[in-house]
């Protein structure tokens, strides 16, 4: 509903009793926008793979955004972009699964 929404202010104020609060919200009302995004622009597996590849290049390989774009262009020219993106998504999934399993083990205790 935008950063001026009354409910957001009440929620932020209540959360401040728990610690520091940073409110991040659109600059204007955006009701039902999330529905329109998925209805008009579906997210496909190749999109997720590309996002995972960008994340891998930027966060793990320490590329800049511009460098990641150039590397993806190189991979496309070599015909290796799809495979690299698929591997990046698999690594991302395995990492997330491992984290969740470690959290479960911690909850279960010794």
C-alpha atoms as a PDB file:
ATOM      1  CA  UNK A   1       0.000   0.000   0.000  1.00  0.00           C
ATOM      2  CA  UNK A   2       3.000   2.328  -0.103  1.00  0.00           C
ATOM      3  CA  UNK A   3       5.201   3.663   2.653  1.00  0.00           C
ATOM      4  CA  UNK A   4       2.496   6.021   3.954  1.00  0.00           C
ATOM      5  CA  UNK A   5      -0.006   3.207   4.616  1.00  0.00           C
ATOM      6  CA  UNK A   6      -1.346   3.448   8.185  1.00  0.00           C
ATOM      7  CA  UNK A   7      -1.082  -0.303   8.753  1.00  0.00           C
ATOM      8  CA  UNK A   8       2.580  -0.308   7.831  1.00  0.00           C
ATOM      9  CA  UNK A   9       3.291   2.377  10.418  1.00  0.00           C
ATOM     10  CA  UNK A  10       1.464   0.432  13.127  1.00  0.00           C
ATOM     11  CA  UNK A  11       3.343  -2.747  12.216  1.00  0.00           C
ATOM     12  CA  UNK A  12       6.718  -0.976  12.223  1.00  0.00           C
ATOM     13  CA  UNK A  13       5.998   0.613  15.593  1.00  0.00           C
ATOM     14  CA  UNK A  14       5.039  -2.756  17.100  1.00  0.00           C
ATOM     15  CA  UNK A  15       8.137  -4.413  15.669  1.00  0.00           C
ATOM     16  CA  UNK A  16      10.408  -1.733  17.187  1.00  0.00           C
ATOM     17  CA  UNK A  17       9.841  -3.368  20.563  1.00  0.00           C
ATOM     18  CA  UNK A  18      11.841  -6.304  19.172  1.00  0.00           C
ATOM     19  CA  UNK A  19      14.762  -4.295  17.797  1.00  0.00           C
ATOM     20  CA  UNK A  20      15.810  -2.037  14.951  1.00  0.00           C
ATOM     21  CA  UNK A  21      13.264  -1.770  12.146  1.00  0.00           C
ATOM     22  CA  UNK A  22      13.931  -0.751   8.555  1.00  0.00           C
ATOM     23  CA  UNK A  23      10.776  -0.220   6.503  1.00  0.00           C
ATOM     24  CA  UNK A  24      11.112  -0.918   2.785  1.00  0.00           C
ATOM     25  CA  UNK A  25       7.978  -0.238   0.758  1.00  0.00           C
ATOM     26  CA  UNK A  26       6.907   1.113  -2.633  1.00  0.00           C
ATOM     27  CA  UNK A  27       6.647   4.873  -2.964  1.00  0.00           C
ATOM     28  CA  UNK A  28       2.981   4.551  -4.001  1.00  0.00           C
ATOM     29  CA  UNK A  29       0.021   2.211  -3.578  1.00  0.00           C
ATOM     30  CA  UNK A  30       0.508  -1.041  -5.515  1.00  0.00           C
ATOM     31  CA  UNK A  31      -2.517  -3.173  -4.614  1.00  0.00           C
ATOM     32  CA  UNK A  32      -2.772  -6.410  -6.645  1.00  0.00           C
ATOM     33  CA  UNK A  33       0.496  -5.669  -8.460  1.00  0.00           C
ATOM     34  CA  UNK A  34       1.961  -9.008  -7.434  1.00  0.00           C
ATOM     35  CA  UNK A  35      -0.908 -10.801  -9.168  1.00  0.00           C
ATOM     36  CA  UNK A  36      -0.374  -8.901 -12.383  1.00  0.00           C
ATOM     37  CA  UNK A  37       3.325  -9.696 -12.450  1.00  0.00           C
ATOM     38  CA  UNK A  38       2.841 -13.444 -12.460  1.00  0.00           C
ATOM     39  CA  UNK A  39      -0.207 -13.383 -14.726  1.00  0.00           C
ATOM     40  CA  UNK A  40       1.356 -11.216 -17.419  1.00  0.00           C
ATOM     41  CA  UNK A  41       4.984 -12.229 -17.100  1.00  0.00           C
ATOM     42  CA  UNK A  42       5.309 -15.809 -15.890  1.00  0.00           C
ATOM     43  CA  UNK A  43       8.575 -16.916 -14.317  1.00  0.00           C
ATOM     44  CA  UNK A  44      10.114 -19.743 -16.295  1.00  0.00           C
ATOM     45  CA  UNK A  45      12.796 -22.249 -15.307  1.00  0.00           C
ATOM     46  CA  UNK A  46      15.312 -20.565 -17.614  1.00  0.00           C
ATOM     47  CA  UNK A  47      14.660 -17.265 -15.798  1.00  0.00           C
ATOM     48  CA  UNK A  48      15.450 -18.902 -12.453  1.00  0.00           C
ATOM     49  CA  UNK A  49      18.559 -20.481 -13.935  1.00  0.00           C
ATOM     50  CA  UNK A  50      19.764 -17.125 -15.269  1.00  0.00           C
ATOM     51  CA  UNK A  51      19.146 -15.474 -11.893  1.00  0.00           C
ATOM     52  CA  UNK A  52      21.108 -18.263 -10.200  1.00  0.00           C
ATOM     53  CA  UNK A  53      23.978 -17.814 -12.677  1.00  0.00           C
ATOM     54  CA  UNK A  54      24.078 -14.059 -12.109  1.00  0.00           C
ATOM     55  CA  UNK A  55      24.033 -14.629  -8.345  1.00  0.00           C
ATOM     56  CA  UNK A  56      26.856 -17.176  -8.652  1.00  0.00           C
ATOM     57  CA  UNK A  57      28.995 -14.870 -10.777  1.00  0.00           C
ATOM     58  CA  UNK A  58      28.445 -11.827  -8.545  1.00  0.00           C
ATOM     59  CA  UNK A  59      28.517 -13.418  -5.089  1.00  0.00           C
ATOM     60  CA  UNK A  60      30.847 -16.388  -5.521  1.00  0.00           C
ATOM     61  CA  UNK A  61      33.064 -15.517  -8.468  1.00  0.00           C
ATOM     62  CA  UNK A  62      33.138 -11.823  -7.398  1.00  0.00           C
ATOM     63  CA  UNK A  63      32.198 -10.391 -10.789  1.00  0.00           C
ATOM     64  CA  UNK A  64      30.735  -6.921 -10.984  1.00  0.00           C
ATOM     65  CA  UNK A  65      27.274  -6.714 -12.536  1.00  0.00           C
ATOM     66  CA  UNK A  66      28.839  -5.482 -15.769  1.00  0.00           C
ATOM     67  CA  UNK A  67      31.427  -8.262 -15.622  1.00  0.00           C
ATOM     68  CA  UNK A  68      28.689 -10.850 -15.057  1.00  0.00           C
ATOM     69  CA  UNK A  69      26.822  -9.537 -18.124  1.00  0.00           C
ATOM     70  CA  UNK A  70      29.976  -9.850 -20.204  1.00  0.00           C
ATOM     71  CA  UNK A  71      30.684 -13.362 -18.900  1.00  0.00           C
ATOM     72  CA  UNK A  72      27.125 -14.474 -19.697  1.00  0.00           C
ATOM     73  CA  UNK A  73      27.522 -13.047 -23.221  1.00  0.00           C
ATOM     74  CA  UNK A  74      30.768 -15.033 -23.576  1.00  0.00           C
ATOM     75  CA  UNK A  75      29.055 -18.196 -22.351  1.00  0.00           C
ATOM     76  CA  UNK A  76      26.236 -17.628 -24.857  1.00  0.00           C
ATOM     77  CA  UNK A  77      28.738 -17.210 -27.691  1.00  0.00           C
ATOM     78  CA  UNK A  78      30.432 -20.450 -26.599  1.00  0.00           C
ATOM     79  CA  UNK A  79      27.069 -22.207 -26.431  1.00  0.00           C
ATOM     80  CA  UNK A  80      27.622 -22.930 -22.731  1.00  0.00           C
ATOM     81  CA  UNK A  81      25.261 -20.452 -21.060  1.00  0.00           C
ATOM     82  CA  UNK A  82      22.309 -22.819 -20.628  1.00  0.00           C
ATOM     83  CA  UNK A  83      24.466 -25.504 -19.014  1.00  0.00           C
ATOM     84  CA  UNK A  84      26.238 -23.012 -16.729  1.00  0.00           C
ATOM     85  CA  UNK A  85      22.900 -21.508 -15.672  1.00  0.00           C
ATOM     86  CA  UNK A  86      21.426 -24.943 -14.967  1.00  0.00           C
ATOM     87  CA  UNK A  87      24.443 -25.908 -12.833  1.00  0.00           C
ATOM     88  CA  UNK A  88      24.208 -22.611 -10.945  1.00  0.00           C
ATOM     89  CA  UNK A  89      20.543 -23.276 -10.102  1.00  0.00           C
ATOM     90  CA  UNK A  90      21.380 -26.819  -8.950  1.00  0.00           C
ATOM     91  CA  UNK A  91      24.163 -25.500  -6.689  1.00  0.00           C
ATOM     92  CA  UNK A  92      21.833 -22.860  -5.313  1.00  0.00           C
ATOM     93  CA  UNK A  93      19.167 -25.466  -4.558  1.00  0.00           C
ATOM     94  CA  UNK A  94      21.645 -27.818  -2.888  1.00  0.00           C
ATOM     95  CA  UNK A  95      23.044 -24.967  -0.782  1.00  0.00           C
ATOM     96  CA  UNK A  96      19.562 -23.931   0.356  1.00  0.00           C
ATOM     97  CA  UNK A  97      18.622 -27.525   1.133  1.00  0.00           C
ATOM     98  CA  UNK A  98      21.804 -28.034   3.133  1.00  0.00           C
ATOM     99  CA  UNK A  99      21.121 -24.877   5.156  1.00  0.00           C
ATOM    100  CA  UNK A 100      17.579 -26.014   5.912  1.00  0.00           C
ATOM    101  CA  UNK A 101      18.770 -29.473   6.963  1.00  0.00           C
ATOM    102  CA  UNK A 102      21.426 -27.963   9.237  1.00  0.00           C
ATOM    103  CA  UNK A 103      18.767 -25.760  10.846  1.00  0.00           C
ATOM    104  CA  UNK A 104      16.546 -28.805  11.392  1.00  0.00           C
ATOM    105  CA  UNK A 105      19.418 -30.740  12.963  1.00  0.00           C
ATOM    106  CA  UNK A 106      20.079 -27.811  15.287  1.00  0.00           C
ATOM    107  CA  UNK A 107      16.434 -27.716  16.302  1.00  0.00           C
ATOM    108  CA  UNK A 108      16.400 -31.442  16.983  1.00  0.00           C
ATOM    109  CA  UNK A 109      19.476 -31.112  19.188  1.00  0.00           C
ATOM    110  CA  UNK A 110      22.056 -33.767  20.023  1.00  0.00           C
END
